[in-house]
């Protein structure tokens, strides 16, 4: 019975292996297959020990590695490069926070280049990204922004708070009022008043970032925001929002 099982399994292994071998290759030497049977009379069972060299070590250690840069960031020589593009969300805030922590704790790199091409997105995420950049600057990082394509809405303060603001000639900028997206349903007068307070706080923070990092004062930015204003890289430079056009 043991011999029949041995031959059957050995034949099965040979057939499976053949399915993956080139037809003109030399077949490998036959491999010995050890079969363990559960016998009713265990006193007559012989167990063959595998040679030490043939044993497979199946133990696995789960390491706790140090933090790593996100998939949108990389290091080249003594500089770090971070990409921020598409619609802004909490995922962008998380990635930037992660990357700055890794750079601060695991490297000596303090020169960070941000590539930004974004139509905006979540207003709170835009402000949170700007906060992360300002915090990094206070810790000794130099943040250089490279604008290309579009810098609009929530992405504008992200670009504005960087140490050095560079823009491609064709970059288009835009500021406008924030919008509140709500699921259809009933709202009370107090709900509407509360939401109005939220929008005022959000607008005040947004305008404040731009006024502190440009030549225009708060009143001027409020007027531009009220009517949804599109402007070129040259105009952004005139207003002190761009330092240099690449």
C-alpha atoms as a PDB file:
ATOM      1  CA  UNK A   1       0.000   0.000   0.000  1.00  0.00           C
ATOM      2  CA  UNK A   2       2.816   2.427   0.909  1.00  0.00           C
ATOM      3  CA  UNK A   3       4.617   1.678  -2.370  1.00  0.00           C
ATOM      4  CA  UNK A   4       1.458   2.394  -4.396  1.00  0.00           C
ATOM      5  CA  UNK A   5       0.926   5.746  -2.679  1.00  0.00           C
ATOM      6  CA  UNK A   6       4.609   6.584  -3.098  1.00  0.00           C
ATOM      7  CA  UNK A   7       4.494   5.823  -6.838  1.00  0.00           C
ATOM      8  CA  UNK A   8       1.208   7.711  -7.314  1.00  0.00           C
ATOM      9  CA  UNK A   9       2.458  10.877  -5.598  1.00  0.00           C
ATOM     10  CA  UNK A  10       5.844  10.715  -7.307  1.00  0.00           C
ATOM     11  CA  UNK A  11       4.082  10.416 -10.687  1.00  0.00           C
ATOM     12  CA  UNK A  12       1.812  13.344  -9.782  1.00  0.00           C
ATOM     13  CA  UNK A  13       4.776  15.533  -8.864  1.00  0.00           C
ATOM     14  CA  UNK A  14       6.515  14.602 -12.101  1.00  0.00           C
ATOM     15  CA  UNK A  15       3.439  15.509 -14.204  1.00  0.00           C
ATOM     16  CA  UNK A  16       2.965  18.878 -12.505  1.00  0.00           C
ATOM     17  CA  UNK A  17       6.629  19.713 -12.937  1.00  0.00           C
ATOM     18  CA  UNK A  18       6.529  18.776 -16.618  1.00  0.00           C
ATOM     19  CA  UNK A  19       3.817  21.283 -17.256  1.00  0.00           C
ATOM     20  CA  UNK A  20       6.257  24.079 -16.481  1.00  0.00           C
ATOM     21  CA  UNK A  21       9.446  22.677 -18.069  1.00  0.00           C
ATOM     22  CA  UNK A  22      10.712  23.496 -21.583  1.00  0.00           C
ATOM     23  CA  UNK A  23      10.507  20.490 -23.914  1.00  0.00           C
ATOM     24  CA  UNK A  24      14.191  20.667 -24.824  1.00  0.00           C
ATOM     25  CA  UNK A  25      15.529  20.862 -21.255  1.00  0.00           C
ATOM     26  CA  UNK A  26      17.073  18.015 -19.325  1.00  0.00           C
ATOM     27  CA  UNK A  27      14.618  16.707 -16.702  1.00  0.00           C
ATOM     28  CA  UNK A  28      15.794  17.141 -13.119  1.00  0.00           C
ATOM     29  CA  UNK A  29      16.868  14.224 -10.993  1.00  0.00           C
ATOM     30  CA  UNK A  30      13.963  12.390  -9.332  1.00  0.00           C
ATOM     31  CA  UNK A  31      13.022  13.820  -5.938  1.00  0.00           C
ATOM     32  CA  UNK A  32      12.237  11.543  -3.031  1.00  0.00           C
ATOM     33  CA  UNK A  33       8.774  12.023  -1.582  1.00  0.00           C
ATOM     34  CA  UNK A  34       8.171  11.057   2.025  1.00  0.00           C
ATOM     35  CA  UNK A  35       4.587  10.113   2.902  1.00  0.00           C
ATOM     36  CA  UNK A  36       3.402   9.903   6.500  1.00  0.00           C
ATOM     37  CA  UNK A  37       0.537   7.465   7.084  1.00  0.00           C
ATOM     38  CA  UNK A  38      -1.690   7.162  10.104  1.00  0.00           C
ATOM     39  CA  UNK A  39      -1.545   3.408  10.786  1.00  0.00           C
ATOM     40  CA  UNK A  40      -3.875   1.533  13.058  1.00  0.00           C
ATOM     41  CA  UNK A  41      -0.840  -0.222  14.532  1.00  0.00           C
ATOM     42  CA  UNK A  42       1.519   2.648  15.233  1.00  0.00           C
ATOM     43  CA  UNK A  43       4.202   0.348  16.579  1.00  0.00           C
ATOM     44  CA  UNK A  44       5.068  -0.751  13.020  1.00  0.00           C
ATOM     45  CA  UNK A  45       5.329   2.728  11.502  1.00  0.00           C
ATOM     46  CA  UNK A  46       8.799   3.857  10.446  1.00  0.00           C
ATOM     47  CA  UNK A  47       9.390   7.622  10.278  1.00  0.00           C
ATOM     48  CA  UNK A  48      12.198   8.780   8.051  1.00  0.00           C
ATOM     49  CA  UNK A  49      13.987  11.906   9.247  1.00  0.00           C
ATOM     50  CA  UNK A  50      14.644  14.570   6.600  1.00  0.00           C
ATOM     51  CA  UNK A  51      18.303  15.546   6.160  1.00  0.00           C
ATOM     52  CA  UNK A  52      19.181  18.759   8.019  1.00  0.00           C
ATOM     53  CA  UNK A  53      20.093  20.531   4.778  1.00  0.00           C
ATOM     54  CA  UNK A  54      16.695  19.783   3.202  1.00  0.00           C
ATOM     55  CA  UNK A  55      14.581  21.162   6.014  1.00  0.00           C
ATOM     56  CA  UNK A  56      12.683  24.368   5.380  1.00  0.00           C
ATOM     57  CA  UNK A  57      12.751  26.945   8.137  1.00  0.00           C
ATOM     58  CA  UNK A  58       9.164  28.118   8.371  1.00  0.00           C
ATOM     59  CA  UNK A  59       9.625  30.558  11.222  1.00  0.00           C
ATOM     60  CA  UNK A  60       8.953  34.200  10.356  1.00  0.00           C
ATOM     61  CA  UNK A  61       9.788  37.351  12.252  1.00  0.00           C
ATOM     62  CA  UNK A  62       7.426  40.301  11.894  1.00  0.00           C
ATOM     63  CA  UNK A  63       9.624  43.359  12.008  1.00  0.00           C
ATOM     64  CA  UNK A  64       8.590  46.786  13.236  1.00  0.00           C
ATOM     65  CA  UNK A  65      10.365  48.910  10.639  1.00  0.00           C
ATOM     66  CA  UNK A  66      11.028  52.604  10.944  1.00  0.00           C
ATOM     67  CA  UNK A  67       8.702  54.954   9.115  1.00  0.00           C
ATOM     68  CA  UNK A  68       9.121  55.338   5.368  1.00  0.00           C
ATOM     69  CA  UNK A  69       8.240  58.034   2.880  1.00  0.00           C
ATOM     70  CA  UNK A  70       4.880  57.742   1.161  1.00  0.00           C
ATOM     71  CA  UNK A  71       4.582  56.565  -2.434  1.00  0.00           C
ATOM     72  CA  UNK A  72       4.284  60.169  -3.668  1.00  0.00           C
ATOM     73  CA  UNK A  73       7.625  61.238  -2.186  1.00  0.00           C
ATOM     74  CA  UNK A  74      11.279  60.403  -2.736  1.00  0.00           C
ATOM     75  CA  UNK A  75      14.799  61.514  -1.846  1.00  0.00           C
ATOM     76  CA  UNK A  76      17.442  62.539  -4.386  1.00  0.00           C
ATOM     77  CA  UNK A  77      20.880  63.387  -2.988  1.00  0.00           C
ATOM     78  CA  UNK A  78      20.299  65.882  -0.173  1.00  0.00           C
ATOM     79  CA  UNK A  79      16.764  66.938  -1.120  1.00  0.00           C
ATOM     80  CA  UNK A  80      13.277  65.521  -0.665  1.00  0.00           C
ATOM     81  CA  UNK A  81      10.569  65.781  -3.320  1.00  0.00           C
ATOM     82  CA  UNK A  82       6.859  65.610  -2.499  1.00  0.00           C
ATOM     83  CA  UNK A  83       3.980  65.611  -4.997  1.00  0.00           C
ATOM     84  CA  UNK A  84       0.621  67.229  -4.230  1.00  0.00           C
ATOM     85  CA  UNK A  85      -1.873  67.055  -7.062  1.00  0.00           C
ATOM     86  CA  UNK A  86      -5.485  66.406  -7.990  1.00  0.00           C
ATOM     87  CA  UNK A  87      -8.300  67.079  -5.528  1.00  0.00           C
ATOM     88  CA  UNK A  88      -7.057  67.699  -1.985  1.00  0.00           C
ATOM     89  CA  UNK A  89      -8.302  65.400   0.770  1.00  0.00           C
ATOM     90  CA  UNK A  90      -7.374  64.126   4.218  1.00  0.00           C
ATOM     91  CA  UNK A  91      -5.158  61.535   2.493  1.00  0.00           C
ATOM     92  CA  UNK A  92      -2.861  64.332   1.287  1.00  0.00           C
ATOM     93  CA  UNK A  93      -2.654  65.750   4.809  1.00  0.00           C
ATOM     94  CA  UNK A  94      -1.775  62.320   6.200  1.00  0.00           C
ATOM     95  CA  UNK A  95       0.925  61.703   3.573  1.00  0.00           C
ATOM     96  CA  UNK A  96       2.583  65.088   4.097  1.00  0.00           C
ATOM     97  CA  UNK A  97       2.553  64.673   7.871  1.00  0.00           C
ATOM     98  CA  UNK A  98       4.064  61.190   7.486  1.00  0.00           C
ATOM     99  CA  UNK A  99       6.798  62.385   5.136  1.00  0.00           C
ATOM    100  CA  UNK A 100       7.808  65.334   7.301  1.00  0.00           C
ATOM    101  CA  UNK A 101       8.031  63.095  10.381  1.00  0.00           C
ATOM    102  CA  UNK A 102      10.229  60.591   8.493  1.00  0.00           C
ATOM    103  CA  UNK A 103      12.514  63.345   7.207  1.00  0.00           C
ATOM    104  CA  UNK A 104      12.809  64.960  10.632  1.00  0.00           C
ATOM    105  CA  UNK A 105      13.483  61.777  12.617  1.00  0.00           C
ATOM    106  CA  UNK A 106      15.310  59.532  10.150  1.00  0.00           C
ATOM    107  CA  UNK A 107      17.357  61.909   7.992  1.00  0.00           C
ATOM    108  CA  UNK A 108      19.352  65.119   8.014  1.00  0.00           C
ATOM    109  CA  UNK A 109      17.434  66.416   4.972  1.00  0.00           C
ATOM    110  CA  UNK A 110      15.715  69.743   5.536  1.00  0.00           C
ATOM    111  CA  UNK A 111      15.336  70.871   1.928  1.00  0.00           C
ATOM    112  CA  UNK A 112      11.872  69.881   0.669  1.00  0.00           C
ATOM    113  CA  UNK A 113      10.482  70.550  -2.803  1.00  0.00           C
ATOM    114  CA  UNK A 114       6.721  70.422  -3.305  1.00  0.00           C
ATOM    115  CA  UNK A 115       5.299  69.838  -6.776  1.00  0.00           C
ATOM    116  CA  UNK A 116       1.748  71.264  -6.729  1.00  0.00           C
ATOM    117  CA  UNK A 117      -0.839  70.917  -9.485  1.00  0.00           C
ATOM    118  CA  UNK A 118      -4.290  70.956  -7.925  1.00  0.00           C
ATOM    119  CA  UNK A 119      -7.764  72.375  -8.641  1.00  0.00           C
ATOM    120  CA  UNK A 120      -8.425  72.481  -4.902  1.00  0.00           C
ATOM    121  CA  UNK A 121     -10.750  70.194  -3.034  1.00  0.00           C
ATOM    122  CA  UNK A 122     -11.583  69.943   0.656  1.00  0.00           C
ATOM    123  CA  UNK A 123     -11.086  73.398   2.194  1.00  0.00           C
ATOM    124  CA  UNK A 124     -10.153  71.983   5.601  1.00  0.00           C
ATOM    125  CA  UNK A 125      -7.522  69.726   4.018  1.00  0.00           C
ATOM    126  CA  UNK A 126      -6.033  72.694   2.179  1.00  0.00           C
ATOM    127  CA  UNK A 127      -5.720  74.654   5.408  1.00  0.00           C
ATOM    128  CA  UNK A 128      -4.345  71.617   7.234  1.00  0.00           C
ATOM    129  CA  UNK A 129      -1.660  71.186   4.547  1.00  0.00           C
ATOM    130  CA  UNK A 130      -0.744  74.852   4.909  1.00  0.00           C
ATOM    131  CA  UNK A 131      -0.489  74.367   8.683  1.00  0.00           C
ATOM    132  CA  UNK A 132       1.832  71.375   8.179  1.00  0.00           C
ATOM    133  CA  UNK A 133       4.105  73.422   5.934  1.00  0.00           C
ATOM    134  CA  UNK A 134       4.234  76.329   8.380  1.00  0.00           C
ATOM    135  CA  UNK A 135       5.025  73.939  11.238  1.00  0.00           C
ATOM    136  CA  UNK A 136       7.830  72.368   9.205  1.00  0.00           C
ATOM    137  CA  UNK A 137       9.300  75.803   8.484  1.00  0.00           C
ATOM    138  CA  UNK A 138       9.359  76.599  12.186  1.00  0.00           C
ATOM    139  CA  UNK A 139      11.328  73.386  12.729  1.00  0.00           C
ATOM    140  CA  UNK A 140      14.015  74.403  10.254  1.00  0.00           C
ATOM    141  CA  UNK A 141      12.746  72.969   6.976  1.00  0.00           C
ATOM    142  CA  UNK A 142      13.044  74.969   3.784  1.00  0.00           C
ATOM    143  CA  UNK A 143       9.949  74.367   1.657  1.00  0.00           C
ATOM    144  CA  UNK A 144      10.103  75.267  -2.035  1.00  0.00           C
ATOM    145  CA  UNK A 145       6.858  75.066  -4.026  1.00  0.00           C
ATOM    146  CA  UNK A 146       6.848  74.357  -7.759  1.00  0.00           C
ATOM    147  CA  UNK A 147       3.466  75.294  -9.259  1.00  0.00           C
ATOM    148  CA  UNK A 148       2.306  73.930 -12.586  1.00  0.00           C
ATOM    149  CA  UNK A 149      -1.024  73.525 -14.346  1.00  0.00           C
ATOM    150  CA  UNK A 150      -3.567  74.896 -11.898  1.00  0.00           C
ATOM    151  CA  UNK A 151      -3.427  76.204  -8.340  1.00  0.00           C
ATOM    152  CA  UNK A 152      -7.007  76.888  -7.334  1.00  0.00           C
ATOM    153  CA  UNK A 153      -9.337  77.138  -4.377  1.00  0.00           C
ATOM    154  CA  UNK A 154      -8.033  75.131  -1.398  1.00  0.00           C
ATOM    155  CA  UNK A 155      -4.617  74.663  -3.060  1.00  0.00           C
ATOM    156  CA  UNK A 156      -3.810  78.399  -3.064  1.00  0.00           C
ATOM    157  CA  UNK A 157      -2.943  78.709   0.666  1.00  0.00           C
ATOM    158  CA  UNK A 158      -0.865  75.505   0.398  1.00  0.00           C
ATOM    159  CA  UNK A 159       1.268  77.204  -2.234  1.00  0.00           C
ATOM    160  CA  UNK A 160       1.212  80.622  -0.544  1.00  0.00           C
ATOM    161  CA  UNK A 161       2.791  79.586   2.791  1.00  0.00           C
ATOM    162  CA  UNK A 162       5.951  78.004   1.301  1.00  0.00           C
ATOM    163  CA  UNK A 163       9.379  79.628   1.719  1.00  0.00           C
ATOM    164  CA  UNK A 164       9.998  79.911  -2.022  1.00  0.00           C
ATOM    165  CA  UNK A 165       7.100  79.978  -4.508  1.00  0.00           C
ATOM    166  CA  UNK A 166       8.015  79.113  -8.109  1.00  0.00           C
ATOM    167  CA  UNK A 167       5.473  78.868 -10.921  1.00  0.00           C
ATOM    168  CA  UNK A 168       5.587  77.648 -14.505  1.00  0.00           C
ATOM    169  CA  UNK A 169       4.640  80.410 -16.993  1.00  0.00           C
ATOM    170  CA  UNK A 170       1.325  78.790 -17.886  1.00  0.00           C
ATOM    171  CA  UNK A 171       0.129  78.200 -14.323  1.00  0.00           C
ATOM    172  CA  UNK A 172      -3.412  79.439 -13.671  1.00  0.00           C
ATOM    173  CA  UNK A 173      -4.586  80.507 -10.209  1.00  0.00           C
ATOM    174  CA  UNK A 174      -8.093  80.912  -8.832  1.00  0.00           C
ATOM    175  CA  UNK A 175      -9.746  81.985  -5.572  1.00  0.00           C
ATOM    176  CA  UNK A 176     -13.456  81.783  -4.766  1.00  0.00           C
ATOM    177  CA  UNK A 177     -15.891  81.427  -1.900  1.00  0.00           C
ATOM    178  CA  UNK A 178     -16.035  78.088  -0.132  1.00  0.00           C
ATOM    179  CA  UNK A 179     -19.139  75.982  -0.702  1.00  0.00           C
ATOM    180  CA  UNK A 180     -20.872  73.760   1.825  1.00  0.00           C
ATOM    181  CA  UNK A 181     -22.074  70.419   0.443  1.00  0.00           C
ATOM    182  CA  UNK A 182     -24.983  68.922   2.396  1.00  0.00           C
ATOM    183  CA  UNK A 183     -27.141  65.847   2.085  1.00  0.00           C
ATOM    184  CA  UNK A 184     -30.771  66.781   1.335  1.00  0.00           C
ATOM    185  CA  UNK A 185     -32.894  67.063   4.441  1.00  0.00           C
ATOM    186  CA  UNK A 186     -34.582  69.452   6.838  1.00  0.00           C
ATOM    187  CA  UNK A 187     -32.647  72.119   8.733  1.00  0.00           C
ATOM    188  CA  UNK A 188     -33.695  74.454  11.506  1.00  0.00           C
ATOM    189  CA  UNK A 189     -32.917  78.162  11.720  1.00  0.00           C
ATOM    190  CA  UNK A 190     -30.281  77.421  14.352  1.00  0.00           C
ATOM    191  CA  UNK A 191     -28.676  74.877  12.000  1.00  0.00           C
ATOM    192  CA  UNK A 192     -28.355  77.528   9.309  1.00  0.00           C
ATOM    193  CA  UNK A 193     -26.953  80.091  11.768  1.00  0.00           C
ATOM    194  CA  UNK A 194     -24.402  77.558  12.989  1.00  0.00           C
ATOM    195  CA  UNK A 195     -23.325  76.739   9.441  1.00  0.00           C
ATOM    196  CA  UNK A 196     -22.983  80.456   8.701  1.00  0.00           C
ATOM    197  CA  UNK A 197     -20.597  80.787  11.647  1.00  0.00           C
ATOM    198  CA  UNK A 198     -18.579  77.856  10.294  1.00  0.00           C
ATOM    199  CA  UNK A 199     -18.298  79.461   6.855  1.00  0.00           C
ATOM    200  CA  UNK A 200     -17.157  82.769   8.375  1.00  0.00           C
ATOM    201  CA  UNK A 201     -14.447  81.001  10.379  1.00  0.00           C
ATOM    202  CA  UNK A 202     -13.312  79.053   7.323  1.00  0.00           C
ATOM    203  CA  UNK A 203     -13.214  82.172   5.151  1.00  0.00           C
ATOM    204  CA  UNK A 204     -11.317  84.141   7.783  1.00  0.00           C
ATOM    205  CA  UNK A 205      -8.601  81.479   7.981  1.00  0.00           C
ATOM    206  CA  UNK A 206      -8.384  81.156   4.210  1.00  0.00           C
ATOM    207  CA  UNK A 207      -8.100  84.908   3.592  1.00  0.00           C
ATOM    208  CA  UNK A 208      -5.680  85.265   6.494  1.00  0.00           C
ATOM    209  CA  UNK A 209      -3.192  82.815   4.938  1.00  0.00           C
ATOM    210  CA  UNK A 210      -3.228  84.726   1.647  1.00  0.00           C
ATOM    211  CA  UNK A 211      -2.956  88.195   3.216  1.00  0.00           C
ATOM    212  CA  UNK A 212       0.037  87.176   5.357  1.00  0.00           C
ATOM    213  CA  UNK A 213       1.891  85.722   2.370  1.00  0.00           C
ATOM    214  CA  UNK A 214       1.294  88.285  -0.383  1.00  0.00           C
ATOM    215  CA  UNK A 215       1.249  92.033  -1.058  1.00  0.00           C
ATOM    216  CA  UNK A 216      -2.546  92.248  -0.951  1.00  0.00           C
ATOM    217  CA  UNK A 217      -4.391  92.970   2.262  1.00  0.00           C
ATOM    218  CA  UNK A 218      -7.358  91.112   3.658  1.00  0.00           C
ATOM    219  CA  UNK A 219      -9.953  93.452   2.116  1.00  0.00           C
ATOM    220  CA  UNK A 220      -8.525  93.033  -1.372  1.00  0.00           C
ATOM    221  CA  UNK A 221      -8.476  89.236  -1.118  1.00  0.00           C
ATOM    222  CA  UNK A 222     -12.078  89.254   0.125  1.00  0.00           C
ATOM    223  CA  UNK A 223     -13.164  91.166  -2.979  1.00  0.00           C
ATOM    224  CA  UNK A 224     -11.298  88.765  -5.260  1.00  0.00           C
ATOM    225  CA  UNK A 225     -12.794  85.760  -3.504  1.00  0.00           C
ATOM    226  CA  UNK A 226     -16.369  87.072  -3.641  1.00  0.00           C
ATOM    227  CA  UNK A 227     -16.466  87.152  -7.453  1.00  0.00           C
ATOM    228  CA  UNK A 228     -14.380  84.007  -8.182  1.00  0.00           C
ATOM    229  CA  UNK A 229     -11.149  85.394  -9.634  1.00  0.00           C
ATOM    230  CA  UNK A 230      -8.895  83.629 -12.144  1.00  0.00           C
ATOM    231  CA  UNK A 231      -5.407  85.057 -12.614  1.00  0.00           C
ATOM    232  CA  UNK A 232      -2.132  84.229 -14.331  1.00  0.00           C
ATOM    233  CA  UNK A 233       1.294  83.469 -12.900  1.00  0.00           C
ATOM    234  CA  UNK A 234       2.396  86.990 -13.906  1.00  0.00           C
ATOM    235  CA  UNK A 235      -0.501  88.545 -11.984  1.00  0.00           C
ATOM    236  CA  UNK A 236       0.226  86.275  -9.012  1.00  0.00           C
ATOM    237  CA  UNK A 237       3.804  87.555  -9.069  1.00  0.00           C
ATOM    238  CA  UNK A 238       2.588  91.161  -9.144  1.00  0.00           C
ATOM    239  CA  UNK A 239       0.428  90.438  -6.117  1.00  0.00           C
ATOM    240  CA  UNK A 240       3.326  88.859  -4.233  1.00  0.00           C
ATOM    241  CA  UNK A 241       1.927  85.320  -4.313  1.00  0.00           C
ATOM    242  CA  UNK A 242       4.681  84.024  -6.648  1.00  0.00           C
ATOM    243  CA  UNK A 243       8.359  84.755  -6.091  1.00  0.00           C
ATOM    244  CA  UNK A 244       9.637  83.718  -9.505  1.00  0.00           C
ATOM    245  CA  UNK A 245       8.314  82.354 -12.794  1.00  0.00           C
ATOM    246  CA  UNK A 246      10.386  79.377 -13.967  1.00  0.00           C
END
